[in-house]
Amino acid sequence: MPEKTDIKYMKEAIRQAKKAYALREVPIGCVIVYEDKIIARGYNRRNTDKNTISHAEMNAIRKASKKLGDWRLEGCTMYITLEPCQMCSGAIVQARVSRVVIGSMNAKAGCAGSVLNLLEMEEFNHQVEVTRGVMDEECSQMLSEFFRELRKEKKKKKEVLTEENQGSIMEIE
């Protein structure tokens, strides 16, 4: 059973994910906590910013480092709605984040235990304490709903394009 504190901060990460959802971005959110206070928030903005590295975690790490005045985020806990990718996992290790709390796992691209586990590799000079599955159902549900809507939109666009093309063909005949 997750701690009340983990649930409290994961709810904040979900709030960030909803901001991404509103922008039609993959709904991933993140908060970084230091001494029981949120010091940084981030959400996925890759399409909005036209920037490959504009992931929730990267945006939050940048803000937290600025807030603390240090690139080292020792003593910080990161709450993420989806298991981080290889880039974000690498940044988490590099930033020396002490603990990561993950909502749902990502079997296709996760690097905190699914595909790889960069956060807990003994070969690195820093390992991260990881807690998985906090509010998993809520996090997974939001992602599933987002991708279901995206598939519907793509199907509608395809139907409209097909109808327009058929109209063009009829005009030619």
N, C-alpha and C. Protein backbone atom coordinates (compact mmCIF):
# COMPACT_ATOMS: atom_id res chain seq x y z
N MET A 1 0.85 -1.20 0.00
CA MET A 1 0.00 0.00 0.00
C MET A 1 0.89 1.25 0.00
N PRO A 2 0.69 2.15 -0.97
CA PRO A 2 1.52 3.36 -1.04
C PRO A 2 1.30 4.28 0.17
N GLU A 3 2.35 5.01 0.49
CA GLU A 3 2.27 5.98 1.58
C GLU A 3 1.34 7.13 1.18
N LYS A 4 0.72 7.77 2.18
CA LYS A 4 -0.16 8.92 1.91
C LYS A 4 0.60 10.03 1.18
N THR A 5 1.86 10.22 1.58
CA THR A 5 2.68 11.26 0.96
C THR A 5 2.87 10.98 -0.53
N ASP A 6 3.14 9.71 -0.87
CA ASP A 6 3.34 9.34 -2.28
C ASP A 6 2.07 9.59 -3.08
N ILE A 7 0.92 9.27 -2.51
CA ILE A 7 -0.35 9.51 -3.20
C ILE A 7 -0.58 11.01 -3.38
N LYS A 8 -0.33 11.77 -2.34
CA LYS A 8 -0.50 13.23 -2.39
C LYS A 8 0.30 13.84 -3.54
N TYR A 9 1.57 13.46 -3.65
CA TYR A 9 2.41 14.06 -4.69
C TYR A 9 2.15 13.46 -6.07
N MET A 10 1.73 12.19 -6.13
CA MET A 10 1.39 11.62 -7.43
C MET A 10 0.15 12.32 -7.99
N LYS A 11 -0.77 12.71 -7.13
CA LYS A 11 -1.93 13.47 -7.58
C LYS A 11 -1.49 14.78 -8.22
N GLU A 12 -0.45 15.37 -7.68
CA GLU A 12 0.09 16.61 -8.27
C GLU A 12 0.72 16.33 -9.63
N ALA A 13 1.40 15.20 -9.75
CA ALA A 13 1.99 14.82 -11.04
C ALA A 13 0.88 14.57 -12.07
N ILE A 14 -0.21 13.96 -11.63
CA ILE A 14 -1.36 13.73 -12.52
C ILE A 14 -1.94 15.07 -12.97
N ARG A 15 -1.98 16.03 -12.08
CA ARG A 15 -2.45 17.37 -12.43
C ARG A 15 -1.59 17.97 -13.55
N GLN A 16 -0.29 17.73 -13.48
CA GLN A 16 0.61 18.20 -14.54
C GLN A 16 0.33 17.45 -15.85
N ALA A 17 0.09 16.15 -15.75
CA ALA A 17 -0.19 15.35 -16.95
C ALA A 17 -1.45 15.86 -17.65
N LYS A 18 -2.41 16.32 -16.87
CA LYS A 18 -3.64 16.86 -17.46
C LYS A 18 -3.37 18.13 -18.25
N LYS A 19 -2.34 18.88 -17.87
CA LYS A 19 -1.96 20.07 -18.65
C LYS A 19 -1.44 19.65 -20.02
N ALA A 20 -0.66 18.57 -20.04
CA ALA A 20 -0.17 18.05 -21.32
C ALA A 20 -1.35 17.57 -22.17
N TYR A 21 -2.27 16.86 -21.53
CA TYR A 21 -3.47 16.35 -22.21
C TYR A 21 -4.22 17.50 -22.88
N ALA A 22 -4.39 18.60 -22.16
CA ALA A 22 -5.12 19.76 -22.68
C ALA A 22 -4.43 20.35 -23.92
N LEU A 23 -3.12 20.16 -24.03
CA LEU A 23 -2.36 20.64 -25.20
C LEU A 23 -2.30 19.59 -26.31
N ARG A 24 -2.98 18.45 -26.10
CA ARG A 24 -2.97 17.31 -27.02
C ARG A 24 -1.57 16.68 -27.09
N GLU A 25 -0.86 16.76 -25.98
CA GLU A 25 0.44 16.10 -25.79
C GLU A 25 0.19 14.79 -25.06
N VAL A 26 1.10 13.83 -25.18
CA VAL A 26 0.99 12.60 -24.41
C VAL A 26 0.97 13.01 -22.93
N PRO A 27 -0.07 12.61 -22.20
CA PRO A 27 -0.25 13.12 -20.83
C PRO A 27 0.69 12.47 -19.80
N ILE A 28 1.86 13.07 -19.69
CA ILE A 28 2.84 12.64 -18.70
C ILE A 28 3.17 13.86 -17.84
N GLY A 29 3.11 13.66 -16.53
CA GLY A 29 3.38 14.75 -15.61
C GLY A 29 4.39 14.34 -14.56
N CYS A 30 4.99 15.35 -13.94
CA CYS A 30 6.07 15.11 -13.00
C CYS A 30 6.13 16.25 -11.99
N VAL A 31 6.44 15.92 -10.75
CA VAL A 31 6.78 16.93 -9.75
C VAL A 31 8.02 16.47 -9.01
N ILE A 32 8.82 17.42 -8.56
CA ILE A 32 10.00 17.11 -7.75
C ILE A 32 9.80 17.74 -6.39
N VAL A 33 10.01 16.92 -5.37
CA VAL A 33 9.78 17.33 -3.98
C VAL A 33 11.10 17.34 -3.22
N TYR A 34 11.30 18.41 -2.46
CA TYR A 34 12.48 18.54 -1.60
C TYR A 34 12.01 19.04 -0.24
N GLU A 35 12.38 18.33 0.80
CA GLU A 35 11.98 18.68 2.16
C GLU A 35 10.47 18.89 2.27
N ASP A 36 9.73 17.94 1.69
CA ASP A 36 8.27 17.90 1.71
C ASP A 36 7.60 19.12 1.06
N LYS A 37 8.29 19.72 0.09
CA LYS A 37 7.71 20.83 -0.69
C LYS A 37 7.98 20.59 -2.16
N ILE A 38 6.97 20.88 -2.98
CA ILE A 38 7.17 20.77 -4.43
C ILE A 38 8.05 21.94 -4.85
N ILE A 39 9.20 21.61 -5.45
CA ILE A 39 10.11 22.67 -5.91
C ILE A 39 10.09 22.82 -7.42
N ALA A 40 9.50 21.84 -8.11
CA ALA A 40 9.44 21.93 -9.58
C ALA A 40 8.32 21.05 -10.12
N ARG A 41 7.76 21.52 -11.21
CA ARG A 41 6.70 20.78 -11.91
C ARG A 41 7.07 20.71 -13.39
N GLY A 42 6.60 19.66 -14.04
CA GLY A 42 6.85 19.55 -15.47
C GLY A 42 5.80 18.66 -16.11
N TYR A 43 5.58 18.87 -17.39
CA TYR A 43 4.70 17.99 -18.16
C TYR A 43 5.22 17.94 -19.58
N ASN A 44 4.79 16.92 -20.28
CA ASN A 44 5.25 16.68 -21.63
C ASN A 44 4.85 17.84 -22.55
N ARG A 45 5.83 18.37 -23.30
CA ARG A 45 5.59 19.49 -24.21
C ARG A 45 6.38 19.33 -25.52
N ARG A 46 6.68 18.09 -25.90
CA ARG A 46 7.51 17.86 -27.09
C ARG A 46 6.95 18.51 -28.35
N ASN A 47 5.67 18.28 -28.62
CA ASN A 47 5.06 18.85 -29.84
C ASN A 47 4.89 20.36 -29.72
N THR A 48 4.47 20.81 -28.57
CA THR A 48 4.25 22.24 -28.33
C THR A 48 5.54 23.02 -28.51
N ASP A 49 6.63 22.52 -27.91
CA ASP A 49 7.92 23.21 -27.97
C ASP A 49 8.73 22.84 -29.21
N LYS A 50 8.26 21.83 -29.96
CA LYS A 50 9.01 21.31 -31.11
C LYS A 50 10.43 20.95 -30.65
N ASN A 51 10.50 20.18 -29.52
CA ASN A 51 11.77 19.90 -28.90
C ASN A 51 11.77 18.47 -28.36
N THR A 52 12.65 17.65 -28.87
CA THR A 52 12.75 16.24 -28.49
C THR A 52 12.91 16.04 -26.99
N ILE A 53 13.64 16.94 -26.34
CA ILE A 53 13.94 16.73 -24.92
C ILE A 53 12.94 17.41 -23.98
N SER A 54 11.84 17.89 -24.50
CA SER A 54 10.86 18.57 -23.65
C SER A 54 9.89 17.57 -23.00
N HIS A 55 10.49 16.59 -22.32
CA HIS A 55 9.72 15.61 -21.55
C HIS A 55 9.42 16.19 -20.17
N ALA A 56 8.41 15.65 -19.52
CA ALA A 56 8.00 16.12 -18.19
C ALA A 56 9.19 16.14 -17.22
N GLU A 57 9.95 15.04 -17.20
CA GLU A 57 11.06 14.93 -16.26
C GLU A 57 12.16 15.94 -16.54
N MET A 58 12.48 16.12 -17.81
CA MET A 58 13.55 17.05 -18.19
C MET A 58 13.16 18.49 -17.82
N ASN A 59 11.90 18.83 -18.07
CA ASN A 59 11.42 20.17 -17.73
C ASN A 59 11.47 20.39 -16.22
N ALA A 60 11.08 19.38 -15.46
CA ALA A 60 11.08 19.49 -14.00
C ALA A 60 12.51 19.53 -13.44
N ILE A 61 13.41 18.73 -13.98
CA ILE A 61 14.81 18.74 -13.52
C ILE A 61 15.42 20.12 -13.73
N ARG A 62 15.18 20.71 -14.89
CA ARG A 62 15.72 22.04 -15.18
C ARG A 62 15.23 23.06 -14.15
N LYS A 63 13.93 23.01 -13.85
CA LYS A 63 13.35 23.96 -12.89
C LYS A 63 13.87 23.72 -11.47
N ALA A 64 13.98 22.45 -11.08
CA ALA A 64 14.44 22.11 -9.73
C ALA A 64 15.90 22.55 -9.53
N SER A 65 16.72 22.34 -10.55
CA SER A 65 18.13 22.74 -10.47
C SER A 65 18.25 24.25 -10.31
N LYS A 66 17.42 24.96 -11.03
CA LYS A 66 17.42 26.43 -10.93
C LYS A 66 16.97 26.85 -9.52
N LYS A 67 15.92 26.22 -9.04
CA LYS A 67 15.37 26.55 -7.71
C LYS A 67 16.40 26.29 -6.60
N LEU A 68 17.10 25.15 -6.68
CA LEU A 68 18.08 24.81 -5.65
C LEU A 68 19.45 25.44 -5.90
N GLY A 69 19.64 25.95 -7.10
CA GLY A 69 20.94 26.55 -7.44
C GLY A 69 22.04 25.52 -7.54
N ASP A 70 21.68 24.30 -7.96
CA ASP A 70 22.66 23.22 -8.08
C ASP A 70 22.14 22.18 -9.06
N TRP A 71 23.03 21.55 -9.81
CA TRP A 71 22.61 20.50 -10.71
C TRP A 71 22.34 19.20 -9.96
N ARG A 72 22.88 19.09 -8.75
CA ARG A 72 22.65 17.90 -7.94
C ARG A 72 21.31 18.01 -7.22
N LEU A 73 20.48 17.03 -7.41
CA LEU A 73 19.16 17.04 -6.77
C LEU A 73 19.09 15.98 -5.67
N GLU A 74 20.18 15.86 -4.92
CA GLU A 74 20.24 14.91 -3.80
C GLU A 74 19.21 15.32 -2.76
N GLY A 75 18.54 14.33 -2.22
CA GLY A 75 17.49 14.61 -1.23
C GLY A 75 16.14 14.88 -1.86
N CYS A 76 16.08 14.85 -3.18
CA CYS A 76 14.82 15.11 -3.90
C CYS A 76 14.13 13.80 -4.27
N THR A 77 12.81 13.86 -4.31
CA THR A 77 12.00 12.74 -4.80
C THR A 77 11.23 13.24 -6.02
N MET A 78 11.29 12.46 -7.09
CA MET A 78 10.57 12.77 -8.32
C MET A 78 9.36 11.85 -8.43
N TYR A 79 8.21 12.43 -8.70
CA TYR A 79 6.97 11.68 -8.92
C TYR A 79 6.62 11.81 -10.39
N ILE A 80 6.50 10.66 -11.08
CA ILE A 80 6.24 10.65 -12.52
C ILE A 80 5.06 9.73 -12.81
N THR A 81 4.16 10.20 -13.67
CA THR A 81 2.98 9.40 -13.98
C THR A 81 3.30 8.18 -14.86
N LEU A 82 4.40 8.24 -15.63
CA LEU A 82 4.79 7.12 -16.49
C LEU A 82 6.28 6.85 -16.33
N GLU A 83 6.64 5.59 -16.32
CA GLU A 83 8.04 5.18 -16.21
C GLU A 83 8.89 5.96 -17.21
N PRO A 84 10.02 6.50 -16.76
CA PRO A 84 10.85 7.33 -17.65
C PRO A 84 11.54 6.55 -18.76
N CYS A 85 11.78 7.24 -19.87
CA CYS A 85 12.50 6.69 -21.02
C CYS A 85 14.00 6.67 -20.70
N GLN A 86 14.80 6.24 -21.67
CA GLN A 86 16.25 6.16 -21.47
C GLN A 86 16.87 7.54 -21.26
N MET A 87 16.40 8.54 -21.98
CA MET A 87 16.95 9.90 -21.84
C MET A 87 16.67 10.44 -20.44
N CYS A 88 15.42 10.33 -20.03
CA CYS A 88 15.03 10.87 -18.72
C CYS A 88 15.64 10.08 -17.58
N SER A 89 15.72 8.76 -17.73
CA SER A 89 16.35 7.93 -16.71
C SER A 89 17.82 8.32 -16.55
N GLY A 90 18.49 8.55 -17.67
CA GLY A 90 19.89 8.99 -17.62
C GLY A 90 20.02 10.34 -16.92
N ALA A 91 19.12 11.25 -17.23
CA ALA A 91 19.16 12.58 -16.60
C ALA A 91 18.89 12.48 -15.10
N ILE A 92 17.98 11.59 -14.72
CA ILE A 92 17.66 11.39 -13.30
C ILE A 92 18.90 10.91 -12.55
N VAL A 93 19.62 9.96 -13.13
CA VAL A 93 20.85 9.45 -12.52
C VAL A 93 21.90 10.57 -12.48
N GLN A 94 22.06 11.27 -13.59
CA GLN A 94 23.05 12.35 -13.65
C GLN A 94 22.76 13.46 -12.64
N ALA A 95 21.48 13.74 -12.42
CA ALA A 95 21.09 14.80 -11.48
C ALA A 95 21.16 14.33 -10.02
N ARG A 96 21.44 13.06 -9.82
CA ARG A 96 21.57 12.50 -8.46
C ARG A 96 20.26 12.56 -7.67
N VAL A 97 19.13 12.42 -8.38
CA VAL A 97 17.83 12.37 -7.70
C VAL A 97 17.86 11.17 -6.75
N SER A 98 17.42 11.36 -5.52
CA SER A 98 17.51 10.28 -4.52
C SER A 98 16.46 9.20 -4.71
N ARG A 99 15.25 9.61 -5.06
CA ARG A 99 14.14 8.65 -5.14
C ARG A 99 13.21 9.02 -6.28
N VAL A 100 12.66 7.99 -6.94
CA VAL A 100 11.68 8.19 -7.99
C VAL A 100 10.46 7.34 -7.67
N VAL A 101 9.28 7.96 -7.79
CA VAL A 101 8.01 7.26 -7.58
C VAL A 101 7.28 7.28 -8.92
N ILE A 102 6.95 6.09 -9.41
CA ILE A 102 6.38 5.93 -10.76
C ILE A 102 4.92 5.51 -10.66
N GLY A 103 4.07 6.12 -11.49
CA GLY A 103 2.67 5.72 -11.58
C GLY A 103 2.55 4.42 -12.35
N SER A 104 2.56 4.50 -13.68
CA SER A 104 2.43 3.28 -14.48
C SER A 104 3.74 2.98 -15.20
N MET A 105 3.94 1.70 -15.43
CA MET A 105 5.14 1.24 -16.12
C MET A 105 4.92 1.32 -17.63
N ASN A 106 6.03 1.33 -18.38
CA ASN A 106 5.97 1.47 -19.83
C ASN A 106 6.72 0.30 -20.46
N ALA A 107 5.98 -0.75 -20.79
CA ALA A 107 6.58 -1.99 -21.30
C ALA A 107 7.35 -1.79 -22.61
N LYS A 108 7.03 -0.75 -23.37
CA LYS A 108 7.66 -0.55 -24.68
C LYS A 108 8.91 0.34 -24.62
N ALA A 109 8.99 1.24 -23.64
CA ALA A 109 10.11 2.19 -23.65
C ALA A 109 10.62 2.56 -22.27
N GLY A 110 10.15 1.90 -21.23
CA GLY A 110 10.53 2.27 -19.87
C GLY A 110 11.92 1.82 -19.49
N CYS A 111 12.64 2.71 -18.83
CA CYS A 111 14.02 2.41 -18.43
C CYS A 111 14.21 2.52 -16.92
N ALA A 112 13.18 2.11 -16.19
CA ALA A 112 13.26 2.03 -14.73
C ALA A 112 12.75 0.66 -14.29
N GLY A 113 12.96 -0.33 -15.16
CA GLY A 113 12.57 -1.69 -14.81
C GLY A 113 11.87 -2.47 -15.90
N SER A 114 11.29 -1.81 -16.90
CA SER A 114 10.57 -2.53 -17.95
C SER A 114 11.51 -3.05 -19.04
N VAL A 115 12.02 -2.16 -19.87
CA VAL A 115 12.94 -2.55 -20.94
C VAL A 115 14.36 -2.65 -20.38
N LEU A 116 14.74 -1.62 -19.66
CA LEU A 116 16.03 -1.54 -18.96
C LEU A 116 15.75 -0.99 -17.56
N ASN A 117 16.79 -1.01 -16.73
CA ASN A 117 16.65 -0.36 -15.43
C ASN A 117 17.89 0.48 -15.17
N LEU A 118 17.93 1.65 -15.78
CA LEU A 118 19.08 2.54 -15.63
C LEU A 118 19.16 3.16 -14.24
N LEU A 119 18.03 3.23 -13.54
CA LEU A 119 18.01 3.92 -12.25
C LEU A 119 18.69 3.13 -11.14
N GLU A 120 18.71 1.81 -11.25
CA GLU A 120 19.25 1.00 -10.17
C GLU A 120 20.48 0.18 -10.57
N MET A 121 21.17 0.60 -11.62
CA MET A 121 22.35 -0.14 -12.08
C MET A 121 23.52 0.08 -11.12
N GLU A 122 24.03 -1.00 -10.60
CA GLU A 122 25.15 -0.92 -9.66
C GLU A 122 26.42 -0.41 -10.33
N GLU A 123 26.50 -0.54 -11.66
CA GLU A 123 27.70 -0.10 -12.38
C GLU A 123 27.85 1.42 -12.39
N PHE A 124 26.75 2.15 -12.21
CA PHE A 124 26.83 3.62 -12.18
C PHE A 124 27.26 4.09 -10.80
N ASN A 125 27.75 5.32 -10.74
CA ASN A 125 28.18 5.87 -9.46
C ASN A 125 27.01 6.36 -8.61
N HIS A 126 25.81 6.33 -9.13
CA HIS A 126 24.63 6.73 -8.37
C HIS A 126 23.47 5.80 -8.71
N GLN A 127 22.79 5.32 -7.69
CA GLN A 127 21.58 4.52 -7.88
C GLN A 127 20.42 5.28 -7.24
N VAL A 128 19.26 5.10 -7.82
CA VAL A 128 18.05 5.78 -7.37
C VAL A 128 17.15 4.77 -6.68
N GLU A 129 16.58 5.16 -5.56
CA GLU A 129 15.57 4.33 -4.91
C GLU A 129 14.29 4.48 -5.73
N VAL A 130 13.65 3.36 -6.08
CA VAL A 130 12.47 3.40 -6.96
C VAL A 130 11.26 2.75 -6.29
N THR A 131 10.13 3.45 -6.38
CA THR A 131 8.84 2.90 -5.96
C THR A 131 7.94 2.90 -7.19
N ARG A 132 7.36 1.76 -7.49
CA ARG A 132 6.56 1.62 -8.72
C ARG A 132 5.08 1.37 -8.39
N GLY A 133 4.21 1.79 -9.30
CA GLY A 133 2.80 1.44 -9.23
C GLY A 133 1.93 2.32 -8.35
N VAL A 134 2.41 3.51 -7.99
CA VAL A 134 1.60 4.41 -7.16
C VAL A 134 0.54 5.07 -8.05
N MET A 135 -0.72 4.82 -7.74
CA MET A 135 -1.86 5.32 -8.52
C MET A 135 -1.79 4.84 -9.97
N ASP A 136 -1.31 3.63 -10.14
CA ASP A 136 -1.13 3.04 -11.47
C ASP A 136 -2.40 3.11 -12.31
N GLU A 137 -3.53 2.76 -11.72
CA GLU A 137 -4.78 2.72 -12.48
C GLU A 137 -5.14 4.09 -13.06
N GLU A 138 -5.04 5.13 -12.24
CA GLU A 138 -5.37 6.49 -12.70
C GLU A 138 -4.42 6.94 -13.80
N CYS A 139 -3.12 6.67 -13.61
CA CYS A 139 -2.13 7.07 -14.61
C CYS A 139 -2.32 6.33 -15.93
N SER A 140 -2.52 5.01 -15.84
CA SER A 140 -2.72 4.19 -17.04
C SER A 140 -3.99 4.57 -17.78
N GLN A 141 -5.05 4.82 -17.02
CA GLN A 141 -6.35 5.16 -17.60
C GLN A 141 -6.26 6.44 -18.43
N MET A 142 -5.55 7.44 -17.91
CA MET A 142 -5.43 8.71 -18.63
C MET A 142 -4.69 8.50 -19.95
N LEU A 143 -3.62 7.71 -19.92
CA LEU A 143 -2.87 7.43 -21.15
C LEU A 143 -3.71 6.64 -22.14
N SER A 144 -4.42 5.63 -21.66
CA SER A 144 -5.28 4.83 -22.55
C SER A 144 -6.35 5.68 -23.21
N GLU A 145 -6.97 6.55 -22.42
CA GLU A 145 -8.01 7.43 -22.96
C GLU A 145 -7.44 8.37 -24.01
N PHE A 146 -6.26 8.91 -23.74
CA PHE A 146 -5.61 9.82 -24.69
C PHE A 146 -5.36 9.12 -26.03
N PHE A 147 -4.78 7.93 -25.98
CA PHE A 147 -4.46 7.22 -27.22
C PHE A 147 -5.71 6.71 -27.93
N ARG A 148 -6.76 6.38 -27.18
CA ARG A 148 -8.03 5.98 -27.79
C ARG A 148 -8.60 7.18 -28.57
N GLU A 149 -8.58 8.36 -27.97
CA GLU A 149 -9.06 9.57 -28.66
C GLU A 149 -8.21 9.87 -29.89
N LEU A 150 -6.91 9.70 -29.77
CA LEU A 150 -6.01 9.96 -30.89
C LEU A 150 -6.31 9.03 -32.06
N ARG A 151 -6.56 7.76 -31.77
CA ARG A 151 -6.90 6.80 -32.84
C ARG A 151 -8.21 7.18 -33.51
N LYS A 152 -9.20 7.62 -32.72
CA LYS A 152 -10.49 8.05 -33.29
C LYS A 152 -10.29 9.25 -34.22
N GLU A 153 -9.47 10.21 -33.77
CA GLU A 153 -9.21 11.40 -34.59
C GLU A 153 -8.53 11.02 -35.90
N LYS A 154 -7.55 10.12 -35.83
CA LYS A 154 -6.84 9.69 -37.04
C LYS A 154 -7.79 8.98 -38.00
N LYS A 155 -8.69 8.16 -37.44
CA LYS A 155 -9.66 7.43 -38.26
C LYS A 155 -10.59 8.42 -38.96
N LYS A 156 -11.07 9.43 -38.23
CA LYS A 156 -11.95 10.45 -38.82
C LYS A 156 -11.24 11.20 -39.93
N LYS A 157 -9.99 11.60 -39.70
CA LYS A 157 -9.21 12.32 -40.72
C LYS A 157 -9.06 11.47 -41.97
N LYS A 158 -8.80 10.19 -41.75
CA LYS A 158 -8.63 9.27 -42.87
C LYS A 158 -9.93 9.16 -43.67
N GLU A 159 -11.06 9.07 -42.97
CA GLU A 159 -12.36 9.00 -43.64
C GLU A 159 -12.64 10.27 -44.43
N VAL A 160 -12.33 11.42 -43.86
CA VAL A 160 -12.55 12.70 -44.53
C VAL A 160 -11.67 12.79 -45.78
N LEU A 161 -10.41 12.39 -45.65
CA LEU A 161 -9.50 12.41 -46.80
C LEU A 161 -9.99 11.47 -47.90
N THR A 162 -10.47 10.31 -47.53
CA THR A 162 -10.99 9.35 -48.50
C THR A 162 -12.20 9.94 -49.23
N GLU A 163 -13.10 10.57 -48.48
CA GLU A 163 -14.28 11.21 -49.09
C GLU A 163 -13.88 12.34 -50.03
N GLU A 164 -12.90 13.14 -49.60
CA GLU A 164 -12.43 14.26 -50.45
C GLU A 164 -11.80 13.74 -51.72
N ASN A 165 -11.00 12.68 -51.60
CA ASN A 165 -10.35 12.09 -52.78
C ASN A 165 -11.37 11.50 -53.73
N GLN A 166 -12.42 10.86 -53.20
CA GLN A 166 -13.46 10.30 -54.06
C GLN A 166 -14.20 11.43 -54.79
N GLY A 167 -14.39 12.54 -54.10
CA GLY A 167 -15.03 13.70 -54.73
C GLY A 167 -14.18 14.25 -55.86
N SER A 168 -12.87 14.30 -55.64
CA SER A 168 -11.94 14.78 -56.66
C SER A 168 -11.94 13.86 -57.87
N ILE A 169 -12.00 12.57 -57.64
CA ILE A 169 -12.00 11.60 -58.73
C ILE A 169 -13.27 11.76 -59.56
N MET A 170 -14.41 11.99 -58.89
CA MET A 170 -15.68 12.16 -59.60
C MET A 170 -15.65 13.43 -60.45
N GLU A 171 -15.00 14.48 -59.96
CA GLU A 171 -14.90 15.73 -60.72
C GLU A 171 -14.07 15.52 -61.99
N ILE A 172 -13.05 14.69 -61.90
CA ILE A 172 -12.16 14.42 -63.04
C ILE A 172 -12.94 13.65 -64.10
N GLU A 173 -13.76 12.71 -63.68
CA GLU A 173 -14.50 11.88 -64.63
C GLU A 173 -15.49 12.75 -65.33
